N, C-alpha and C. Protein backbone atom coordinates (compact mmCIF):
# COMPACT_ATOMS: atom_id res chain seq x y z
N MET A 1 109.40 35.65 7.59
CA MET A 1 110.19 35.35 6.52
C MET A 1 111.60 34.37 6.25
N ALA A 2 112.40 34.37 7.35
CA ALA A 2 113.63 33.71 7.44
C ALA A 2 113.20 32.05 7.67
N LYS A 3 111.71 31.90 8.34
CA LYS A 3 111.13 30.63 8.77
C LYS A 3 110.46 30.07 7.03
N ILE A 4 110.14 30.65 6.53
CA ILE A 4 110.14 29.95 5.23
C ILE A 4 111.79 29.55 4.45
N ASN A 5 112.36 30.42 4.53
CA ASN A 5 113.48 30.19 3.63
C ASN A 5 113.98 29.07 4.41
N SER A 6 114.23 29.01 5.48
CA SER A 6 114.88 28.02 6.05
C SER A 6 113.53 26.64 5.87
N GLU A 7 112.89 26.46 5.75
CA GLU A 7 112.13 25.48 5.33
C GLU A 7 112.16 25.06 3.91
N ARG A 8 112.46 25.94 2.92
CA ARG A 8 112.82 25.85 1.53
C ARG A 8 113.55 24.45 1.37
N ILE A 9 114.60 25.49 2.22
CA ILE A 9 116.27 25.05 1.73
C ILE A 9 116.30 24.00 2.45
N SER A 10 115.34 23.88 3.48
CA SER A 10 115.49 22.28 4.08
C SER A 10 114.76 21.10 3.37
N GLU A 11 113.98 21.80 2.82
CA GLU A 11 113.41 20.78 1.48
C GLU A 11 113.94 20.18 0.53
N GLU A 12 114.95 21.41 0.13
CA GLU A 12 115.52 21.16 -1.16
C GLU A 12 116.70 19.72 -0.46
N SER A 13 117.04 20.13 0.50
CA SER A 13 118.31 19.42 0.78
C SER A 13 118.01 17.79 1.83
N ILE A 14 116.69 18.12 1.56
CA ILE A 14 116.11 16.39 1.69
C ILE A 14 115.85 16.14 0.40
N SER A 15 115.28 16.48 -0.33
CA SER A 15 114.97 15.58 -1.43
C SER A 15 116.21 15.41 -2.36
N GLY A 16 117.21 16.51 -2.05
CA GLY A 16 118.78 16.59 -3.11
C GLY A 16 118.26 17.33 -4.36
N SER A 17 117.30 17.69 -4.70
CA SER A 17 116.90 18.54 -6.02
C SER A 17 116.32 19.42 -5.93
N LYS A 18 116.07 20.31 -6.61
CA LYS A 18 115.34 21.26 -6.60
C LYS A 18 113.95 20.75 -7.75
N ARG A 19 112.80 21.56 -7.43
CA ARG A 19 111.45 21.40 -8.03
C ARG A 19 111.09 20.70 -9.44
N GLU A 20 112.45 21.80 -10.00
CA GLU A 20 112.27 22.36 -11.85
C GLU A 20 113.49 20.89 -12.27
N ASP A 21 114.25 20.27 -11.34
CA ASP A 21 114.64 18.89 -11.88
C ASP A 21 113.83 18.05 -11.78
N ILE A 22 112.76 18.08 -10.29
CA ILE A 22 111.97 16.61 -9.74
C ILE A 22 110.97 16.87 -11.59
N GLY A 23 110.32 17.98 -11.82
CA GLY A 23 109.49 18.27 -13.29
C GLY A 23 109.89 17.34 -14.52
N GLU A 24 111.68 17.59 -14.42
CA GLU A 24 112.39 17.20 -16.00
C GLU A 24 112.42 15.82 -15.97
N LYS A 25 112.58 15.58 -14.37
CA LYS A 25 112.62 14.13 -14.67
C LYS A 25 111.77 13.03 -14.94
N ALA A 26 110.42 13.97 -14.58
CA ALA A 26 109.26 12.96 -14.52
C ALA A 26 108.63 13.46 -16.23
N LEU A 27 108.70 14.05 -16.68
CA LEU A 27 108.51 14.19 -18.11
C LEU A 27 109.53 13.56 -19.10
N GLY A 28 110.48 13.54 -19.21
CA GLY A 28 111.52 12.47 -19.70
C GLY A 28 111.58 13.05 -20.89
N GLU A 29 111.97 12.48 -21.83
CA GLU A 29 112.16 12.99 -23.44
C GLU A 29 110.99 13.55 -23.75
N PHE A 30 111.05 14.34 -24.74
CA PHE A 30 109.39 14.98 -25.26
C PHE A 30 109.47 13.90 -26.68
N GLU A 31 107.95 13.92 -27.28
CA GLU A 31 107.63 12.30 -28.60
C GLU A 31 107.43 13.71 -29.46
N PRO A 32 107.94 13.16 -30.83
CA PRO A 32 107.97 14.15 -31.80
C PRO A 32 106.08 14.31 -31.91
N TRP A 33 106.01 14.86 -32.59
CA TRP A 33 104.85 15.41 -33.08
C TRP A 33 104.24 14.50 -34.21
N GLU A 34 103.40 13.61 -34.19
CA GLU A 34 102.12 12.89 -35.73
C GLU A 34 102.09 14.02 -36.44
N SER A 35 102.09 13.72 -37.79
CA SER A 35 101.33 14.27 -38.99
C SER A 35 99.80 14.90 -38.61
N TRP A 36 99.13 13.62 -38.26
CA TRP A 36 98.08 13.85 -37.99
C TRP A 36 97.50 14.61 -36.56
N GLU A 37 98.49 14.89 -35.81
CA GLU A 37 98.18 15.45 -34.51
C GLU A 37 98.43 16.89 -34.90
N THR A 38 99.34 16.91 -35.67
CA THR A 38 99.26 19.19 -36.30
C THR A 38 98.30 18.78 -36.98
N GLN A 39 97.79 18.30 -37.80
CA GLN A 39 96.47 18.86 -38.68
C GLN A 39 95.39 18.78 -38.16
N LEU A 40 95.29 18.14 -37.01
CA LEU A 40 94.06 18.75 -36.31
C LEU A 40 94.31 19.62 -35.53
N CYS A 41 95.52 19.99 -35.09
CA CYS A 41 95.75 20.90 -34.29
C CYS A 41 95.09 22.56 -35.33
N LEU A 42 95.71 22.84 -36.37
CA LEU A 42 95.89 23.35 -37.30
C LEU A 42 93.75 23.57 -37.27
N TRP A 43 93.75 22.25 -37.92
CA TRP A 43 92.43 22.62 -38.38
C TRP A 43 91.25 22.97 -37.23
N SER A 44 91.36 22.42 -36.18
CA SER A 44 90.64 23.08 -34.50
C SER A 44 91.09 24.62 -34.34
N ILE A 45 92.25 25.31 -34.65
CA ILE A 45 92.38 26.53 -34.84
C ILE A 45 91.48 27.40 -35.41
N GLY A 46 91.89 26.94 -36.89
CA GLY A 46 90.71 27.06 -38.32
C GLY A 46 89.52 27.09 -38.19
N ILE A 47 89.22 26.55 -37.95
CA ILE A 47 87.60 26.17 -37.37
C ILE A 47 87.21 27.18 -36.36
N GLY A 48 88.06 27.33 -35.67
CA GLY A 48 87.89 28.11 -34.14
C GLY A 48 87.73 29.44 -34.57
N MET A 49 88.81 29.79 -35.61
CA MET A 49 88.70 31.38 -35.86
C MET A 49 87.35 31.69 -36.74
N THR A 50 87.14 30.66 -37.50
CA THR A 50 85.83 30.79 -38.65
C THR A 50 84.85 30.78 -37.42
N ALA A 51 84.39 30.49 -36.99
CA ALA A 51 83.58 30.43 -35.88
C ALA A 51 82.83 31.97 -34.83
N LEU A 52 84.39 32.32 -34.93
CA LEU A 52 84.39 33.49 -33.93
C LEU A 52 83.98 34.59 -35.02
N VAL A 53 84.45 34.56 -36.68
CA VAL A 53 83.79 35.78 -37.47
C VAL A 53 82.67 35.67 -37.76
N VAL A 54 81.74 34.34 -38.19
CA VAL A 54 80.87 33.84 -38.41
C VAL A 54 79.62 34.45 -36.55
N LEU A 55 80.24 33.97 -35.77
CA LEU A 55 79.50 34.87 -34.59
C LEU A 55 79.63 36.28 -34.40
N GLY A 56 80.59 37.05 -35.23
CA GLY A 56 80.42 37.87 -34.98
C GLY A 56 79.63 38.91 -36.02
N ILE A 57 79.88 38.13 -36.90
CA ILE A 57 78.86 38.65 -37.97
C ILE A 57 77.38 38.88 -37.25
N LEU A 58 76.82 37.87 -37.12
CA LEU A 58 75.73 37.32 -36.65
C LEU A 58 75.73 38.44 -35.34
N VAL A 59 75.85 38.38 -34.46
CA VAL A 59 76.31 39.14 -33.37
C VAL A 59 76.10 41.12 -34.08
N ASN A 60 76.55 41.46 -35.17
CA ASN A 60 76.54 42.73 -35.25
C ASN A 60 75.00 42.83 -36.02
N GLN A 61 74.65 41.50 -36.82
CA GLN A 61 73.28 42.01 -37.79
C GLN A 61 72.44 42.48 -36.67
N PHE A 62 72.24 40.78 -35.59
CA PHE A 62 71.09 40.83 -34.95
C PHE A 62 70.91 41.13 -33.61
N LEU A 63 72.19 41.83 -32.84
CA LEU A 63 71.78 42.19 -31.27
C LEU A 63 72.36 43.55 -31.61
N LEU A 64 73.56 44.20 -32.75
CA LEU A 64 74.11 45.65 -32.40
C LEU A 64 73.18 46.39 -33.27
N SER A 65 72.25 45.75 -33.93
CA SER A 65 71.45 46.90 -34.72
C SER A 65 70.44 47.41 -34.62
């Protein structure tokens, strides 16, 4: 266990920052969503929920009866 902790500390001291900081630097600033991207997500969720309801009804009628 002590060996693992010493390796972790040495990795942080070599790189000069923690892994979380590296990820934030790589991502940079977030881009705002376009309106069409929001609509695409909403439509996809709506279609998926509708498909689940329809398939649930079909399974109930044909497989569980």
